[in-house]
Amino acid sequence: MSTFWAIILFTVGLLLGLLIAWLWLRKRITRCEQESRELRASLEAAEAKAAGLEARVHGKEEAIRGLTAQLEERDEAIGQFEEAIGTRNLQIADLQAQLAPPEPQDLTRIEGIGLRISGLLQEAGILTYAQLAAAEVSKLEQILADAHLAHLANPGTWPEQASLAAAEDWEALESLQDRLRGGREA
């Protein structure tokens, strides 16, 4: 009987060992399943967070594109303003040039006008050939009369000579002056 009991004890020991091993494995499997569930939940939370971050990044990229478009529009507007300012500055310079007194020209090139009469004309505001060409002969005679020089010169041909000088037609002016003596037709 001793082998019988030995076999029974061996079998009972084997069954108890298998039962303990099964319980231990079952506990381990349960713990692994719990860890797996926790890891899945953690992964899902990370994926949700990543999706949220991706959505925020996409939103920021859209905002950047919008701001870039606004900057381009503002750069274009600034360019237009700078162009307008440049145009205005040119207009201002033109107006200043028009308002500034013209550079006096050498009126003594006109037959019959010497340094003294040239000075009188400049004092009267006639500084250029164009201004002299536009002057009325009666006004020129009055300037000479006011200076008591009416007997020295005859301004009758001065506007004609001045218009040739203003046009820089020096040959025609010389030809006319060849026919004059003291500013009068010879």
Protein backbone atom coordinates (compact mmCIF):
# COMPACT_ATOMS: atom_id res chain seq x y z
CA MET A 1 0.00 0.00 0.00
CA SER A 2 2.69 2.30 0.33
CA THR A 3 3.14 2.70 -3.45
CA PHE A 4 -0.54 3.28 -3.75
CA TRP A 5 -0.38 6.04 -1.24
CA ALA A 6 2.72 7.34 -2.82
CA ILE A 7 0.96 7.56 -6.19
CA ILE A 8 -2.06 9.20 -4.61
CA LEU A 9 0.08 11.66 -2.74
CA PHE A 10 2.09 12.31 -5.87
CA THR A 11 -1.12 12.85 -7.85
CA VAL A 12 -2.60 15.10 -5.16
CA GLY A 13 0.68 17.04 -4.97
CA LEU A 14 0.73 17.33 -8.73
CA LEU A 15 -2.89 18.52 -8.80
CA LEU A 16 -2.22 21.00 -6.00
CA GLY A 17 0.88 22.28 -7.86
CA LEU A 18 -1.12 22.66 -11.05
CA LEU A 19 -3.91 24.42 -9.16
CA ILE A 20 -1.44 26.81 -7.52
CA ALA A 21 0.27 27.42 -10.86
CA TRP A 22 -3.12 28.02 -12.53
CA LEU A 23 -4.18 30.48 -9.79
CA TRP A 24 -0.84 32.23 -9.98
CA LEU A 25 -1.06 32.49 -13.82
CA ARG A 26 -4.68 33.61 -13.61
CA LYS A 27 -3.69 36.37 -11.20
CA ARG A 28 -0.82 37.34 -13.49
CA ILE A 29 -3.11 37.33 -16.58
CA THR A 30 -5.62 39.52 -14.71
CA ARG A 31 -2.85 41.94 -13.76
CA CYS A 32 -1.57 42.03 -17.40
CA GLU A 33 -5.11 42.64 -18.67
CA GLN A 34 -5.47 45.50 -16.17
CA GLU A 35 -2.14 46.99 -17.28
CA SER A 36 -3.20 46.54 -20.91
CA ARG A 37 -6.48 48.41 -20.26
CA GLU A 38 -4.56 51.19 -18.48
CA LEU A 39 -2.07 51.42 -21.34
CA ARG A 40 -4.91 51.54 -23.89
CA ALA A 41 -6.62 54.30 -21.89
CA SER A 42 -3.31 56.16 -21.67
CA LEU A 43 -2.75 55.66 -25.41
CA GLU A 44 -6.26 56.89 -26.21
CA ALA A 45 -5.70 59.95 -23.98
CA ALA A 46 -2.37 60.61 -25.73
CA GLU A 47 -4.03 60.21 -29.14
CA ALA A 48 -6.81 62.60 -28.11
CA LYS A 49 -4.22 65.07 -26.83
CA ALA A 50 -2.24 64.69 -30.08
CA ALA A 51 -5.41 65.27 -32.10
CA GLY A 52 -6.12 68.39 -30.02
CA LEU A 53 -2.56 69.61 -30.53
CA GLU A 54 -2.82 68.90 -34.24
CA ALA A 55 -6.05 70.89 -34.40
CA ARG A 56 -4.37 73.77 -32.51
CA VAL A 57 -1.37 73.62 -34.85
CA HIS A 58 -3.72 73.68 -37.84
CA GLY A 59 -5.54 76.67 -36.31
CA LYS A 60 -2.23 78.46 -35.72
CA GLU A 61 -1.15 77.75 -39.30
CA GLU A 62 -4.42 79.24 -40.54
CA ALA A 63 -3.87 82.27 -38.32
CA ILE A 64 -0.33 82.64 -39.67
CA ARG A 65 -1.61 82.46 -43.26
CA GLY A 66 -4.21 85.10 -42.44
CA LEU A 67 -1.62 87.37 -40.81
CA THR A 68 0.73 86.86 -43.74
CA ALA A 69 -2.04 87.89 -46.14
CA GLN A 70 -2.73 90.96 -44.00
CA LEU A 71 0.97 91.85 -44.01
CA GLU A 72 1.09 91.53 -47.78
CA GLU A 73 -1.97 93.79 -48.09
CA ARG A 74 -0.41 96.32 -45.74
CA ASP A 75 2.91 96.16 -47.62
CA GLU A 76 1.01 96.84 -50.83
CA ALA A 77 -0.85 99.73 -49.18
CA ILE A 78 2.43 101.12 -47.83
CA GLY A 79 3.92 100.86 -51.34
CA GLN A 80 0.95 102.77 -52.73
CA PHE A 81 1.28 105.41 -49.99
CA GLU A 82 5.01 105.74 -50.66
CA GLU A 83 4.29 106.12 -54.37
CA ALA A 84 1.62 108.75 -53.61
CA ILE A 85 4.02 110.55 -51.28
CA GLY A 86 6.68 110.50 -54.00
CA THR A 87 4.20 111.94 -56.48
CA ARG A 88 3.13 114.61 -53.95
CA ASN A 89 6.77 115.46 -53.25
CA LEU A 90 7.36 115.94 -56.97
CA GLN A 91 4.25 118.12 -57.19
CA ILE A 92 5.42 120.14 -54.19
CA ALA A 93 8.86 120.56 -55.76
CA ASP A 94 7.22 121.69 -59.01
CA LEU A 95 5.02 124.18 -57.15
CA GLN A 96 8.01 125.47 -55.18
CA ALA A 97 9.92 125.89 -58.43
CA GLN A 98 6.95 127.76 -59.90
CA LEU A 99 6.59 129.95 -56.82
CA ALA A 100 10.29 130.67 -56.55
CA PRO A 101 11.41 133.70 -58.47
CA PRO A 102 12.97 132.71 -61.77
CA GLU A 103 16.70 132.89 -62.23
CA PRO A 104 17.48 136.28 -63.80
CA GLN A 105 18.73 136.11 -67.38
CA ASP A 106 21.18 138.46 -69.06
CA LEU A 107 18.79 141.06 -70.47
CA THR A 108 21.74 143.05 -71.84
CA ARG A 109 21.75 140.64 -74.80
CA ILE A 110 18.73 142.59 -76.03
CA GLU A 111 19.73 145.47 -78.31
CA GLY A 112 19.07 148.76 -76.49
CA ILE A 113 19.31 147.37 -72.92
CA GLY A 114 22.42 148.13 -70.92
CA LEU A 115 23.33 147.32 -67.33
CA ARG A 116 21.40 150.27 -65.89
CA ILE A 117 18.17 149.51 -67.77
CA SER A 118 18.59 145.76 -67.02
CA GLY A 119 18.72 146.66 -63.31
CA LEU A 120 15.57 148.79 -63.63
CA LEU A 121 13.72 145.96 -65.39
CA GLN A 122 14.77 143.48 -62.67
CA GLU A 123 13.56 145.89 -59.98
CA ALA A 124 10.22 145.99 -61.83
CA GLY A 125 10.05 142.15 -61.71
CA ILE A 126 11.13 141.49 -65.31
CA LEU A 127 13.90 138.92 -64.84
CA THR A 128 13.69 136.65 -67.89
CA TYR A 129 13.42 136.86 -71.64
CA ALA A 130 9.95 135.32 -71.45
CA GLN A 131 8.78 138.00 -69.00
CA LEU A 132 10.23 140.73 -71.21
CA ALA A 133 8.58 139.20 -74.30
CA ALA A 134 5.20 139.24 -72.48
CA ALA A 135 5.59 142.84 -71.27
CA GLU A 136 3.57 145.60 -72.89
CA VAL A 137 5.69 148.24 -74.62
CA SER A 138 3.72 150.91 -72.74
CA LYS A 139 4.76 149.31 -69.41
CA LEU A 140 8.41 149.29 -70.52
CA GLU A 141 8.13 152.96 -71.57
CA GLN A 142 6.63 153.77 -68.14
CA ILE A 143 9.55 152.03 -66.35
CA LEU A 144 11.99 154.13 -68.37
CA ALA A 145 9.97 157.32 -67.81
CA ASP A 146 9.81 156.74 -64.02
CA ALA A 147 13.61 156.45 -63.99
CA HIS A 148 13.95 159.54 -66.20
CA LEU A 149 15.62 157.42 -68.92
CA ALA A 150 12.94 157.60 -71.61
CA HIS A 151 15.28 159.65 -73.78
CA LEU A 152 18.03 156.96 -73.68
CA ALA A 153 16.20 153.94 -75.15
CA ASN A 154 13.22 152.88 -77.23
CA PRO A 155 11.66 149.61 -75.95
CA GLY A 156 9.56 149.08 -79.07
CA THR A 157 11.58 146.03 -80.30
CA TRP A 158 12.48 144.57 -76.91
CA PRO A 159 9.51 142.12 -76.67
CA GLU A 160 10.25 140.79 -80.17
CA GLN A 161 13.95 140.36 -79.41
CA ALA A 162 13.13 138.79 -76.02
CA SER A 163 10.75 136.25 -77.59
CA LEU A 164 13.58 135.10 -79.92
CA ALA A 165 15.98 134.90 -76.96
CA ALA A 166 13.41 132.98 -74.88
CA ALA A 167 13.09 130.49 -77.76
CA GLU A 168 16.91 130.37 -77.91
CA ASP A 169 16.76 131.28 -81.60
CA TRP A 170 20.07 133.14 -81.45
CA GLU A 171 20.56 133.28 -85.24
CA ALA A 172 17.22 135.01 -85.78
CA LEU A 173 17.99 137.35 -82.86
CA GLU A 174 21.36 138.25 -84.40
CA SER A 175 19.73 138.82 -87.77
CA LEU A 176 17.14 141.13 -86.19
CA GLN A 177 19.78 142.96 -84.17
CA ASP A 178 21.87 143.53 -87.30
CA ARG A 179 18.99 145.66 -88.58
CA LEU A 180 18.69 147.64 -85.31
CA ARG A 181 20.57 150.62 -83.94
CA GLY A 182 20.09 151.30 -80.23
CA GLY A 183 17.09 148.98 -80.20
CA ARG A 184 15.34 150.78 -83.07
CA GLU A 185 14.87 149.73 -86.69
CA ALA A 186 17.68 151.34 -88.66
